[in-house]
Amino acid sequence: VIVWLNILFGIIIDTFAELRDTKQKVEEDTKKRCFICGIEAYTFDRFVEGGFVRHTKGPHNMWMYLYFMHHLKLKDGTEFNGQESYVYQKMVQKDMSFFPLHKSLDLVSCVRGGD
């Protein structure tokens, strides 16, 4: 009985250790990479005024993207403007290509500004 309990406790402890490691990796990724565009934090810290924090609190605030998608689900489709219609159609098709993957206007304006 004791051997079986030790095996069971070992399995439980290993499972929790794996869950903790997975959670730590997700948290680390969230702190080091933009959720919206996927560009690494150091790029913004090097080239953009205000760095990664301004980028993720401003243009690529993940909560504003979520709010916008929720807003589209609640809004009457006949009242959509062009951008809303485009994004809504992509959402219906489960196509998330409207996200600016590996793109950011922060970096484009920085390059154009000569930094």
Foldseek 3Di string as FASTA:
>chain_A
DVVVVVVVVVVVVVVVVVVVVVVVVVVVQVVQAQPQAGDGQVVQVPQFVVGPVCCCVPPRVVVVVVVLQVVLVPDDPVPDDPVSVVVPVCVVVVHPVVGNHNDDVRVVVSVVVPD
